[in-house]
């Protein structure tokens, strides 16, 4: 069998091929064997695998399946109460919150920006690797004047790490924690700046302690690529006189209450007064 290459689509045999991945990097392990670094195509999971556990996927099949899944999962605001036409037709005149979305994945960022666009929310998107995100937070908040911050990418518990209360057990949670800390140096108020941070299996408690309004993942489960955008969307479009609760967020996201948690947060939609 030919060796796998960066960019190829694969699944893991030991997990029954449940998740589609793209190979993002190849490193040499301590035993001298190749270790393949994998990133989820639909979920914000990062993992690694030995070559023997990988199964190739046909790119055509993968793209067809992804389009089908994204259609089911709501890549766009669907008709009815979530429809963009319904949202804008019955939305009182006002100004939604402004979102700064920082993501390590260009593909996921595009999905999320389309989601915001459908809802007619002003959003700024930037592709930045997780390790570089903390250093970019304050300057981007100053330049965009956003009042909602979404910081995300890929994450996951490291193999053989069982202390879920240590940032060292996670691939990227320490960067999400630092990003939230930097954002709170810019704006300490949880009402004035709403922050979501995290990805799959992220260190929820550490991110919340750093000052986030919402974070993943209380149950250390996978979260969907669009889940962070759904948090930002809901806060941006909720009347500032109304609170967004973790329970409301759980009903909107694919991952539910085990995927994303947080604190009761004031909406950021400013309704214009009538005179």
Protein backbone atom coordinates (compact mmCIF):
# COMPACT_ATOMS: atom_id res chain seq x y z
CA UNK A 1 0.00 0.00 0.00
CA UNK A 2 1.29 3.45 -0.94
CA UNK A 3 2.01 5.79 1.94
CA UNK A 4 -0.58 8.42 2.70
CA UNK A 5 0.07 12.04 1.77
CA UNK A 6 -0.83 15.40 3.27
CA UNK A 7 -4.23 16.52 2.00
CA UNK A 8 -5.68 13.05 1.50
CA UNK A 9 -9.08 12.13 2.96
CA UNK A 10 -9.10 9.24 5.42
CA UNK A 11 -11.05 7.53 8.19
CA UNK A 12 -9.79 5.48 11.15
CA UNK A 13 -10.50 1.73 11.04
CA UNK A 14 -10.41 1.37 14.83
CA UNK A 15 -13.31 3.84 15.14
CA UNK A 16 -15.37 2.19 12.42
CA UNK A 17 -14.76 5.01 9.96
CA UNK A 18 -17.17 7.26 11.86
CA UNK A 19 -15.45 10.57 11.04
CA UNK A 20 -13.91 11.86 7.82
CA UNK A 21 -10.52 13.54 8.20
CA UNK A 22 -7.97 15.32 6.09
CA UNK A 23 -4.29 14.58 6.73
CA UNK A 24 -2.83 17.93 7.79
CA UNK A 25 0.71 16.87 8.71
CA UNK A 26 3.01 13.85 8.98
CA UNK A 27 5.59 13.57 11.75
CA UNK A 28 7.99 10.89 12.94
CA UNK A 29 7.07 9.34 16.29
CA UNK A 30 9.42 8.20 19.05
CA UNK A 31 9.44 4.69 17.60
CA UNK A 32 10.57 6.01 14.23
CA UNK A 33 7.21 5.36 12.59
CA UNK A 34 5.10 7.91 10.79
CA UNK A 35 2.34 9.58 12.77
CA UNK A 36 -0.43 11.21 10.77
CA UNK A 37 -2.01 14.40 12.13
CA UNK A 38 -5.69 14.51 11.21
CA UNK A 39 -8.30 17.28 11.15
CA UNK A 40 -12.04 16.65 10.92
CA UNK A 41 -13.92 17.73 7.81
CA UNK A 42 -17.26 18.33 9.53
CA UNK A 43 -16.28 18.39 13.21
CA UNK A 44 -13.66 20.53 14.91
CA UNK A 45 -11.62 17.52 16.04
CA UNK A 46 -7.84 17.07 15.77
CA UNK A 47 -6.36 13.61 16.19
CA UNK A 48 -3.38 11.47 15.23
CA UNK A 49 -3.07 7.97 13.86
CA UNK A 50 -0.64 5.28 12.82
CA UNK A 51 -0.62 4.43 9.14
CA UNK A 52 -2.02 0.94 9.71
CA UNK A 53 -5.24 2.37 11.17
CA UNK A 54 -6.00 4.66 8.22
CA UNK A 55 -8.43 3.96 5.39
CA UNK A 56 -8.44 6.11 2.25
CA UNK A 57 -11.64 7.86 1.17
CA UNK A 58 -12.51 8.78 -2.39
CA UNK A 59 -12.58 12.60 -2.66
CA UNK A 60 -15.71 12.57 -4.85
CA UNK A 61 -17.60 10.44 -2.32
CA UNK A 62 -16.40 12.61 0.55
CA UNK A 63 -17.58 15.84 -1.07
CA UNK A 64 -20.99 14.36 -1.93
CA UNK A 65 -21.47 13.11 1.62
CA UNK A 66 -20.32 16.41 3.13
CA UNK A 67 -22.74 18.42 1.00
CA UNK A 68 -25.57 16.13 2.07
CA UNK A 69 -24.63 16.37 5.74
CA UNK A 70 -24.20 20.13 5.63
CA UNK A 71 -27.60 20.51 4.01
CA UNK A 72 -29.16 18.43 6.80
CA UNK A 73 -27.20 20.13 9.56
CA UNK A 74 -28.09 23.66 8.48
CA UNK A 75 -25.13 25.26 6.75
CA UNK A 76 -27.60 28.02 5.83
CA UNK A 77 -30.49 29.41 7.79
CA UNK A 78 -33.32 27.11 6.78
CA UNK A 79 -36.91 28.07 6.14
CA UNK A 80 -39.28 28.87 8.98
CA UNK A 81 -38.16 30.44 12.21
CA UNK A 82 -34.50 30.05 11.29
CA UNK A 83 -34.93 31.35 7.74
CA UNK A 84 -33.09 34.53 6.78
CA UNK A 85 -36.20 35.92 5.06
CA UNK A 86 -38.31 35.21 8.13
CA UNK A 87 -35.64 36.65 10.39
CA UNK A 88 -35.35 39.89 8.46
CA UNK A 89 -39.08 40.25 7.71
CA UNK A 90 -40.16 40.06 11.36
CA UNK A 91 -37.05 41.49 12.98
CA UNK A 92 -37.72 44.85 14.66
CA UNK A 93 -35.67 47.70 13.24
CA UNK A 94 -32.36 47.82 14.96
CA UNK A 95 -28.70 46.86 14.85
CA UNK A 96 -27.39 43.32 15.38
CA UNK A 97 -24.18 42.70 17.26
CA UNK A 98 -20.94 42.68 15.26
CA UNK A 99 -18.95 39.45 15.20
CA UNK A 100 -15.20 38.91 15.01
CA UNK A 101 -14.69 35.25 14.04
CA UNK A 102 -11.14 33.89 14.33
CA UNK A 103 -10.68 30.36 12.97
CA UNK A 104 -7.74 28.12 12.12
CA UNK A 105 -9.69 26.45 9.29
CA UNK A 106 -10.32 28.32 6.01
CA UNK A 107 -13.09 25.87 5.08
CA UNK A 108 -14.87 26.17 8.42
CA UNK A 109 -14.50 29.95 8.39
CA UNK A 110 -16.15 30.13 4.97
CA UNK A 111 -19.09 28.05 6.25
CA UNK A 112 -19.51 30.32 9.26
CA UNK A 113 -19.20 33.55 7.29
CA UNK A 114 -21.91 32.32 4.90
CA UNK A 115 -24.07 31.57 7.93
CA UNK A 116 -23.64 35.11 9.26
CA UNK A 117 -24.25 36.55 5.79
CA UNK A 118 -27.54 34.68 5.48
CA UNK A 119 -28.67 36.27 8.74
CA UNK A 120 -27.42 39.71 7.65
CA UNK A 121 -25.04 39.99 10.56
CA UNK A 122 -21.93 42.13 10.17
CA UNK A 123 -18.98 39.81 10.71
CA UNK A 124 -15.23 39.93 10.26
CA UNK A 125 -13.44 36.65 9.60
CA UNK A 126 -9.74 35.86 9.98
CA UNK A 127 -7.86 32.59 9.42
CA UNK A 128 -5.21 32.31 12.13
CA UNK A 129 -3.55 29.14 13.52
CA UNK A 130 -4.52 28.39 17.11
CA UNK A 131 -1.01 29.07 18.42
CA UNK A 132 -1.04 32.58 16.92
CA UNK A 133 -4.57 33.53 17.92
CA UNK A 134 -3.80 35.01 21.38
CA UNK A 135 -1.36 37.51 19.91
CA UNK A 136 -3.92 38.78 17.40
CA UNK A 137 -6.96 39.20 19.63
CA UNK A 138 -6.62 42.73 20.99
CA UNK A 139 -5.52 44.40 17.76
CA UNK A 140 -8.38 42.79 15.83
CA UNK A 141 -10.93 43.76 18.47
CA UNK A 142 -9.68 47.35 18.31
CA UNK A 143 -9.79 47.51 14.51
CA UNK A 144 -13.19 45.82 14.07
CA UNK A 145 -14.89 47.21 17.20
CA UNK A 146 -16.75 43.89 17.39
CA UNK A 147 -18.86 43.18 20.46
CA UNK A 148 -19.01 39.39 19.90
CA UNK A 149 -15.83 37.32 19.63
CA UNK A 150 -15.69 33.75 18.33
CA UNK A 151 -12.32 32.00 18.68
CA UNK A 152 -12.18 28.46 17.36
CA UNK A 153 -10.42 25.91 15.17
CA UNK A 154 -9.59 22.29 15.96
CA UNK A 155 -8.89 20.65 19.32
CA UNK A 156 -8.96 17.29 21.05
CA UNK A 157 -7.77 15.35 24.06
CA UNK A 158 -4.28 13.95 23.55
CA UNK A 159 -3.84 10.19 23.49
CA UNK A 160 -3.01 8.76 26.89
CA UNK A 161 -3.87 11.98 28.72
CA UNK A 162 -6.47 11.33 31.40
CA UNK A 163 -6.26 14.50 33.51
CA UNK A 164 -9.06 16.50 31.91
CA UNK A 165 -8.43 19.37 34.35
CA UNK A 166 -5.02 20.19 32.85
CA UNK A 167 -4.55 22.31 29.70
CA UNK A 168 -1.59 20.06 28.85
CA UNK A 169 -4.02 17.21 28.13
CA UNK A 170 -5.47 19.09 25.15
CA UNK A 171 -4.02 19.93 21.76
CA UNK A 172 -5.07 23.57 21.55
CA UNK A 173 -7.13 24.51 24.62
CA UNK A 174 -4.27 26.50 26.15
CA UNK A 175 -4.41 28.86 23.16
CA UNK A 176 -8.16 29.32 23.51
CA UNK A 177 -7.66 30.11 27.21
CA UNK A 178 -4.97 32.69 26.42
CA UNK A 179 -7.13 34.22 23.68
CA UNK A 180 -9.98 34.75 26.14
CA UNK A 181 -7.58 36.26 28.67
CA UNK A 182 -6.28 38.69 26.04
CA UNK A 183 -9.82 39.65 25.04
CA UNK A 184 -10.74 40.35 28.66
CA UNK A 185 -7.76 42.70 28.95
CA UNK A 186 -9.37 44.65 26.12
CA UNK A 187 -12.94 44.50 27.51
CA UNK A 188 -13.57 42.99 30.97
CA UNK A 189 -17.37 43.24 30.80
CA UNK A 190 -19.21 40.04 29.84
CA UNK A 191 -22.16 42.19 28.74
CA UNK A 192 -20.18 44.48 26.44
CA UNK A 193 -18.07 41.73 24.85
CA UNK A 194 -19.53 38.24 24.47
CA UNK A 195 -16.90 35.56 23.91
CA UNK A 196 -17.22 32.01 22.63
CA UNK A 197 -14.04 29.94 22.54
CA UNK A 198 -13.17 26.30 21.95
CA UNK A 199 -13.49 23.39 19.54
CA UNK A 200 -13.92 19.62 19.90
CA UNK A 201 -13.31 18.22 23.41
CA UNK A 202 -11.86 21.55 24.59
CA UNK A 203 -11.10 22.31 28.24
CA UNK A 204 -14.44 23.94 29.04
CA UNK A 205 -13.76 24.87 32.67
CA UNK A 206 -10.41 26.49 31.88
CA UNK A 207 -11.87 28.57 29.06
CA UNK A 208 -14.82 29.71 31.17
CA UNK A 209 -12.54 30.60 34.09
CA UNK A 210 -10.51 32.78 31.71
CA UNK A 211 -13.63 34.88 31.10
CA UNK A 212 -15.66 33.36 28.25
CA UNK A 213 -19.45 33.65 28.09
CA UNK A 214 -19.75 30.35 26.23
CA UNK A 215 -17.26 27.57 25.59
CA UNK A 216 -16.84 23.95 24.57
CA UNK A 217 -16.95 21.22 25.60
CA UNK A 218 -18.56 20.41 28.99
CA UNK A 219 -18.93 16.74 28.05
CA UNK A 220 -15.62 16.59 26.13
CA UNK A 221 -17.52 15.65 22.99
CA UNK A 222 -17.22 16.65 19.33
CA UNK A 223 -18.79 19.89 18.14
CA UNK A 224 -20.00 20.63 14.63
CA UNK A 225 -18.12 23.07 12.41
CA UNK A 226 -21.05 25.52 12.57
CA UNK A 227 -21.75 25.34 16.30
CA UNK A 228 -19.54 28.35 17.18
CA UNK A 229 -21.30 30.44 14.51
CA UNK A 230 -24.69 29.49 15.93
CA UNK A 231 -23.64 30.88 19.30
CA UNK A 232 -22.48 34.16 17.76
CA UNK A 233 -25.62 34.37 15.61
CA UNK A 234 -27.99 33.90 18.53
CA UNK A 235 -26.30 36.54 20.69
CA UNK A 236 -26.08 39.01 17.79
CA UNK A 237 -29.80 38.70 17.01
CA UNK A 238 -31.21 38.58 20.54
CA UNK A 239 -32.73 41.80 21.90
CA UNK A 240 -30.38 43.47 24.39
CA UNK A 241 -33.22 43.43 26.92
CA UNK A 242 -33.33 39.62 26.75
CA UNK A 243 -30.81 37.04 27.97
CA UNK A 244 -29.40 34.15 25.96
CA UNK A 245 -29.14 31.07 28.17
CA UNK A 246 -27.00 27.95 27.75
CA UNK A 247 -30.25 26.00 27.35
CA UNK A 248 -31.22 28.13 24.34
CA UNK A 249 -27.81 27.59 22.79
CA UNK A 250 -28.06 23.83 23.37
CA UNK A 251 -31.31 23.69 21.40
CA UNK A 252 -29.68 25.43 18.42
CA UNK A 253 -26.41 23.53 18.13
CA UNK A 254 -25.69 20.06 16.81
CA UNK A 255 -23.69 19.13 19.90
CA UNK A 256 -26.31 20.18 22.48
CA UNK A 257 -25.71 20.85 26.15
CA UNK A 258 -22.71 18.49 26.40
CA UNK A 259 -21.02 20.28 23.52
CA UNK A 260 -21.38 23.93 24.49
CA UNK A 261 -22.06 25.49 27.88
CA UNK A 262 -21.83 28.92 29.38
CA UNK A 263 -23.49 31.62 31.43
CA UNK A 264 -26.66 33.64 30.93
CA UNK A 265 -25.65 36.43 28.56
CA UNK A 266 -27.39 39.60 27.47
CA UNK A 267 -28.31 39.79 23.76
CA UNK A 268 -26.53 42.31 21.54
CA UNK A 269 -29.35 43.38 19.22
CA UNK A 270 -30.11 47.08 19.76
CA UNK A 271 -33.75 47.83 18.92
CA UNK A 272 -34.34 51.35 17.63
CA UNK A 273 -36.90 53.26 19.67
CA UNK A 274 -40.05 54.53 17.95
CA UNK A 275 -41.07 58.15 18.31
